[in-house]
């Protein structure tokens, strides 16, 4: 009967580990989405600055 408690405890510990890993992964994914948004914003700013350039020989 002791082995049932041991395997049950291991199963619960594994489930807790999976939940913790999933929450961490969700936080990392949110951070990546935020950084992509920041990079896209900066790219838009750079595009606007490049449009303002007046290069010789181009009309």
PDB file of N, CA and C in Angstrom:
ATOM      1  N   UNK A   1       0.820  -1.203   0.000  1.00  0.00           N
ATOM      2  CA  UNK A   1       0.000   0.000   0.000  1.00  0.00           C
ATOM      3  C   UNK A   1       0.863   1.266   0.000  1.00  0.00           C
ATOM      4  N   UNK A   2       2.051   1.137   0.552  1.00  0.00           N
ATOM      5  CA  UNK A   2       2.945   2.290   0.599  1.00  0.00           C
ATOM      6  C   UNK A   2       3.323   2.750  -0.809  1.00  0.00           C
ATOM      7  N   UNK A   3       3.472   1.803  -1.745  1.00  0.00           N
ATOM      8  CA  UNK A   3       3.870   2.165  -3.096  1.00  0.00           C
ATOM      9  C   UNK A   3       2.819   3.029  -3.775  1.00  0.00           C
ATOM     10  N   UNK A   4       1.548   2.876  -3.398  1.00  0.00           N
ATOM     11  CA  UNK A   4       0.481   3.708  -3.965  1.00  0.00           C
ATOM     12  C   UNK A   4       0.695   5.160  -3.559  1.00  0.00           C
ATOM     13  N   UNK A   5       1.043   5.387  -2.303  1.00  0.00           N
ATOM     14  CA  UNK A   5       1.287   6.751  -1.827  1.00  0.00           C
ATOM     15  C   UNK A   5       2.543   7.339  -2.469  1.00  0.00           C
ATOM     16  N   UNK A   6       3.547   6.509  -2.650  1.00  0.00           N
ATOM     17  CA  UNK A   6       4.784   6.994  -3.276  1.00  0.00           C
ATOM     18  C   UNK A   6       4.523   7.411  -4.725  1.00  0.00           C
ATOM     19  N   UNK A   7       3.869   6.544  -5.489  1.00  0.00           N
ATOM     20  CA  UNK A   7       3.572   6.886  -6.885  1.00  0.00           C
ATOM     21  C   UNK A   7       2.581   8.045  -6.979  1.00  0.00           C
ATOM     22  N   UNK A   8       1.632   8.110  -6.073  1.00  0.00           N
ATOM     23  CA  UNK A   8       0.694   9.236  -6.046  1.00  0.00           C
ATOM     24  C   UNK A   8       1.412  10.542  -5.767  1.00  0.00           C
ATOM     25  N   UNK A   9       2.334  10.512  -4.808  1.00  0.00           N
ATOM     26  CA  UNK A   9       3.124  11.715  -4.500  1.00  0.00           C
ATOM     27  C   UNK A   9       3.982  12.140  -5.674  1.00  0.00           C
ATOM     28  N   UNK A  10       4.591  11.162  -6.340  1.00  0.00           N
ATOM     29  CA  UNK A  10       5.391  11.485  -7.527  1.00  0.00           C
ATOM     30  C   UNK A  10       4.524  12.066  -8.644  1.00  0.00           C
ATOM     31  N   UNK A  11       3.334  11.532  -8.801  1.00  0.00           N
ATOM     32  CA  UNK A  11       2.429  12.045  -9.834  1.00  0.00           C
ATOM     33  C   UNK A  11       2.013  13.479  -9.528  1.00  0.00           C
ATOM     34  N   UNK A  12       1.701  13.751  -8.270  1.00  0.00           N
ATOM     35  CA  UNK A  12       1.313  15.116  -7.883  1.00  0.00           C
ATOM     36  C   UNK A  12       2.493  16.065  -8.064  1.00  0.00           C
ATOM     37  N   UNK A  13       3.688  15.632  -7.668  1.00  0.00           N
ATOM     38  CA  UNK A  13       4.875  16.475  -7.837  1.00  0.00           C
ATOM     39  C   UNK A  13       5.134  16.744  -9.322  1.00  0.00           C
ATOM     40  N   UNK A  14       4.952  15.735 -10.159  1.00  0.00           N
ATOM     41  CA  UNK A  14       5.120  15.930 -11.596  1.00  0.00           C
ATOM     42  C   UNK A  14       4.102  16.895 -12.163  1.00  0.00           C
ATOM     43  N   UNK A  15       2.877  16.799 -11.697  1.00  0.00           N
ATOM     44  CA  UNK A  15       1.830  17.710 -12.156  1.00  0.00           C
ATOM     45  C   UNK A  15       2.134  19.143 -11.740  1.00  0.00           C
ATOM     46  N   UNK A  16       2.594  19.319 -10.508  1.00  0.00           N
ATOM     47  CA  UNK A  16       2.964  20.658 -10.037  1.00  0.00           C
ATOM     48  C   UNK A  16       4.114  21.204 -10.881  1.00  0.00           C
ATOM     49  N   UNK A  17       5.090  20.362 -11.186  1.00  0.00           N
ATOM     50  CA  UNK A  17       6.220  20.805 -12.010  1.00  0.00           C
ATOM     51  C   UNK A  17       5.748  21.224 -13.400  1.00  0.00           C
ATOM     52  N   UNK A  18       4.828  20.467 -13.981  1.00  0.00           N
ATOM     53  CA  UNK A  18       4.301  20.833 -15.298  1.00  0.00           C
ATOM     54  C   UNK A  18       3.551  22.160 -15.262  1.00  0.00           C
ATOM     55  N   UNK A  19       2.780  22.387 -14.213  1.00  0.00           N
ATOM     56  CA  UNK A  19       2.032  23.644 -14.090  1.00  0.00           C
ATOM     57  C   UNK A  19       2.998  24.814 -13.940  1.00  0.00           C
ATOM     58  N   UNK A  20       4.012  24.650 -13.098  1.00  0.00           N
ATOM     59  CA  UNK A  20       4.995  25.723 -12.905  1.00  0.00           C
ATOM     60  C   UNK A  20       5.724  26.014 -14.213  1.00  0.00           C
ATOM     61  N   UNK A  21       6.105  24.964 -14.935  1.00  0.00           N
ATOM     62  CA  UNK A  21       6.776  25.144 -16.222  1.00  0.00           C
ATOM     63  C   UNK A  21       5.853  25.847 -17.218  1.00  0.00           C
ATOM     64  N   UNK A  22       4.589  25.471 -17.241  1.00  0.00           N
ATOM     65  CA  UNK A  22       3.630  26.095 -18.150  1.00  0.00           C
ATOM     66  C   UNK A  22       3.430  27.571 -17.859  1.00  0.00           C
ATOM     67  N   UNK A  23       3.347  27.906 -16.580  1.00  0.00           N
ATOM     68  CA  UNK A  23       3.185  29.317 -16.204  1.00  0.00           C
ATOM     69  C   UNK A  23       4.430  30.110 -16.598  1.00  0.00           C
ATOM     70  N   UNK A  24       5.604  29.545 -16.356  1.00  0.00           N
ATOM     71  CA  UNK A  24       6.843  30.219 -16.757  1.00  0.00           C
ATOM     72  C   UNK A  24       6.924  30.403 -18.259  1.00  0.00           C
ATOM     73  N   UNK A  25       6.506  29.382 -18.989  1.00  0.00           N
ATOM     74  CA  UNK A  25       6.509  29.464 -20.448  1.00  0.00           C
ATOM     75  C   UNK A  25       5.537  30.535 -20.942  1.00  0.00           C
ATOM     76  N   UNK A  26       4.388  30.645 -20.301  1.00  0.00           N
ATOM     77  CA  UNK A  26       3.414  31.678 -20.681  1.00  0.00           C
ATOM     78  C   UNK A  26       3.984  33.072 -20.430  1.00  0.00           C
ATOM     79  N   UNK A  27       4.696  33.244 -19.319  1.00  0.00           N
ATOM     80  CA  UNK A  27       5.306  34.546 -19.027  1.00  0.00           C
ATOM     81  C   UNK A  27       6.388  34.880 -20.052  1.00  0.00           C
ATOM     82  N   UNK A  28       7.184  33.875 -20.418  1.00  0.00           N
ATOM     83  CA  UNK A  28       8.222  34.119 -21.422  1.00  0.00           C
ATOM     84  C   UNK A  28       7.609  34.463 -22.769  1.00  0.00           C
ATOM     85  N   UNK A  29       6.537  33.789 -23.134  1.00  0.00           N
ATOM     86  CA  UNK A  29       5.872  34.076 -24.410  1.00  0.00           C
ATOM     87  C   UNK A  29       5.310  35.494 -24.408  1.00  0.00           C
ATOM     88  N   UNK A  30       4.752  35.922 -23.280  1.00  0.00           N
ATOM     89  CA  UNK A  30       4.236  37.292 -23.185  1.00  0.00           C
ATOM     90  C   UNK A  30       5.372  38.299 -23.308  1.00  0.00           C
ATOM     91  N   UNK A  31       6.518  37.996 -22.715  1.00  0.00           N
ATOM     92  CA  UNK A  31       7.665  38.899 -22.813  1.00  0.00           C
ATOM     93  C   UNK A  31       8.163  38.983 -24.254  1.00  0.00           C
ATOM     94  N   UNK A  32       8.178  37.861 -24.959  1.00  0.00           N
ATOM     95  CA  UNK A  32       8.609  37.863 -26.363  1.00  0.00           C
ATOM     96  C   UNK A  32       7.629  38.665 -27.211  1.00  0.00           C
ATOM     97  N   UNK A  33       6.324  38.483 -26.974  1.00  0.00           N
ATOM     98  CA  UNK A  33       5.331  39.266 -27.724  1.00  0.00           C
ATOM     99  C   UNK A  33       5.522  40.758 -27.480  1.00  0.00           C
ATOM    100  N   UNK A  34       5.821  41.138 -26.247  1.00  0.00           N
ATOM    101  CA  UNK A  34       6.048  42.548 -25.936  1.00  0.00           C
ATOM    102  C   UNK A  34       7.285  43.062 -26.677  1.00  0.00           C
ATOM    103  N   UNK A  35       8.363  42.290 -26.649  1.00  0.00           N
ATOM    104  CA  UNK A  35       9.592  42.716 -27.322  1.00  0.00           C
ATOM    105  C   UNK A  35       9.398  42.820 -28.831  1.00  0.00           C
ATOM    106  N   UNK A  36       8.624  41.930 -29.413  1.00  0.00           N
ATOM    107  CA  UNK A  36       8.323  42.018 -30.849  1.00  0.00           C
ATOM    108  C   UNK A  36       7.552  43.298 -31.132  1.00  0.00           C
ATOM    109  N   UNK A  37       6.604  43.641 -30.268  1.00  0.00           N
ATOM    110  CA  UNK A  37       5.861  44.887 -30.436  1.00  0.00           C
ATOM    111  C   UNK A  37       6.760  46.104 -30.355  1.00  0.00           C
ATOM    112  N   UNK A  38       7.694  46.090 -29.409  1.00  0.00           N
ATOM    113  CA  UNK A  38       8.646  47.197 -29.284  1.00  0.00           C
ATOM    114  C   UNK A  38       9.517  47.286 -30.535  1.00  0.00           C
ATOM    115  N   UNK A  39       9.996  46.141 -31.016  1.00  0.00           N
ATOM    116  CA  UNK A  39      10.843  46.135 -32.216  1.00  0.00           C
ATOM    117  C   UNK A  39      10.071  46.639 -33.430  1.00  0.00           C
ATOM    118  N   UNK A  40       8.817  46.247 -33.560  1.00  0.00           N
ATOM    119  CA  UNK A  40       8.009  46.735 -34.683  1.00  0.00           C
ATOM    120  C   UNK A  40       7.788  48.240 -34.584  1.00  0.00           C
ATOM    121  N   UNK A  41       7.585  48.744 -33.382  1.00  0.00           N
ATOM    122  CA  UNK A  41       7.438  50.188 -33.194  1.00  0.00           C
ATOM    123  C   UNK A  41       8.699  50.935 -33.579  1.00  0.00           C
ATOM    124  N   UNK A  42       9.843  50.390 -33.178  1.00  0.00           N
ATOM    125  CA  UNK A  42      11.115  51.031 -33.536  1.00  0.00           C
ATOM    126  C   UNK A  42      11.353  50.964 -35.041  1.00  0.00           C
ATOM    127  N   UNK A  43      10.976  49.866 -35.664  1.00  0.00           N
ATOM    128  CA  UNK A  43      11.131  49.751 -37.116  1.00  0.00           C
ATOM    129  C   UNK A  43      10.259  50.782 -37.822  1.00  0.00           C
ATOM    130  N   UNK A  44       9.075  51.005 -37.306  1.00  0.00           N
ATOM    131  CA  UNK A  44       8.187  52.020 -37.887  1.00  0.00           C
ATOM    132  C   UNK A  44       8.798  53.412 -37.739  1.00  0.00           C
ATOM    133  N   UNK A  45       9.385  53.696 -36.576  1.00  0.00           N
ATOM    134  CA  UNK A  45      10.051  54.985 -36.374  1.00  0.00           C
ATOM    135  C   UNK A  45      11.229  55.140 -37.341  1.00  0.00           C
ATOM    136  N   UNK A  46      12.007  54.077 -37.513  1.00  0.00           N
ATOM    137  CA  UNK A  46      13.149  54.131 -38.431  1.00  0.00           C
ATOM    138  C   UNK A  46      12.675  54.340 -39.863  1.00  0.00           C
ATOM    139  N   UNK A  47      11.588  53.669 -40.250  1.00  0.00           N
ATOM    140  CA  UNK A  47      11.045  53.846 -41.594  1.00  0.00           C
ATOM    141  C   UNK A  47      10.617  55.293 -41.808  1.00  0.00           C
ATOM    142  N   UNK A  48       9.982  55.894 -40.797  1.00  0.00           N
ATOM    143  CA  UNK A  48       9.552  57.288 -40.916  1.00  0.00           C
ATOM    144  C   UNK A  48      10.754  58.217 -41.054  1.00  0.00           C
ATOM    145  N   UNK A  49      11.833  57.924 -40.336  1.00  0.00           N
ATOM    146  CA  UNK A  49      13.031  58.756 -40.449  1.00  0.00           C
ATOM    147  C   UNK A  49      13.691  58.596 -41.818  1.00  0.00           C
ATOM    148  N   UNK A  50      13.727  57.386 -42.338  1.00  0.00           N
ATOM    149  CA  UNK A  50      14.329  57.150 -43.655  1.00  0.00           C
ATOM    150  C   UNK A  50      13.522  57.852 -44.735  1.00  0.00           C
ATOM    151  N   UNK A  51      12.217  57.895 -44.595  1.00  0.00           N
ATOM    152  CA  UNK A  51      11.381  58.593 -45.578  1.00  0.00           C
ATOM    153  C   UNK A  51      11.691  60.080 -45.623  1.00  0.00           C
ATOM    154  N   UNK A  52      12.191  60.638 -44.532  1.00  0.00           N
ATOM    155  CA  UNK A  52      12.490  62.064 -44.478  1.00  0.00           C
ATOM    156  C   UNK A  52      13.831  62.406 -45.136  1.00  0.00           C
ATOM    157  N   UNK A  53      14.642  61.399 -45.428  1.00  0.00           N
ATOM    158  CA  UNK A  53      15.948  61.663 -46.037  1.00  0.00           C
ATOM    159  C   UNK A  53      15.789  62.167 -47.463  1.00  0.00           C
ATOM    160  N   UNK A  54      16.614  63.121 -47.807  1.00  0.00           N
ATOM    161  CA  UNK A  54      16.653  63.638 -49.167  1.00  0.00           C
ATOM    162  C   UNK A  54      18.004  63.234 -49.744  1.00  0.00           C
ATOM    163  N   UNK A  55      18.009  62.250 -50.619  1.00  0.00           N
ATOM    164  CA  UNK A  55      19.245  61.765 -51.209  1.00  0.00           C
ATOM    165  C   UNK A  55      19.485  62.468 -52.544  1.00  0.00           C
ATOM    166  N   UNK A  56      20.734  62.831 -52.822  1.00  0.00           N
ATOM    167  CA  UNK A  56      21.025  63.498 -54.096  1.00  0.00           C
ATOM    168  C   UNK A  56      20.824  62.534 -55.268  1.00  0.00           C
ATOM    169  N   UNK A  57      20.293  63.060 -56.347  1.00  0.00           N
ATOM    170  CA  UNK A  57      20.075  62.261 -57.545  1.00  0.00           C
ATOM    171  C   UNK A  57      18.744  61.540 -57.554  1.00  0.00           C
ATOM    172  N   UNK A  58      17.968  61.680 -56.530  1.00  0.00           N
ATOM    173  CA  UNK A  58      16.645  61.037 -56.492  1.00  0.00           C
ATOM    174  C   UNK A  58      15.584  62.123 -56.366  1.00  0.00           C
ATOM    175  N   UNK A  59      14.546  61.981 -57.145  1.00  0.00           N
ATOM    176  CA  UNK A  59      13.491  63.011 -57.114  1.00  0.00           C
ATOM    177  C   UNK A  59      12.287  62.546 -56.369  1.00  0.00           C
TER     178      UNK A  59
END
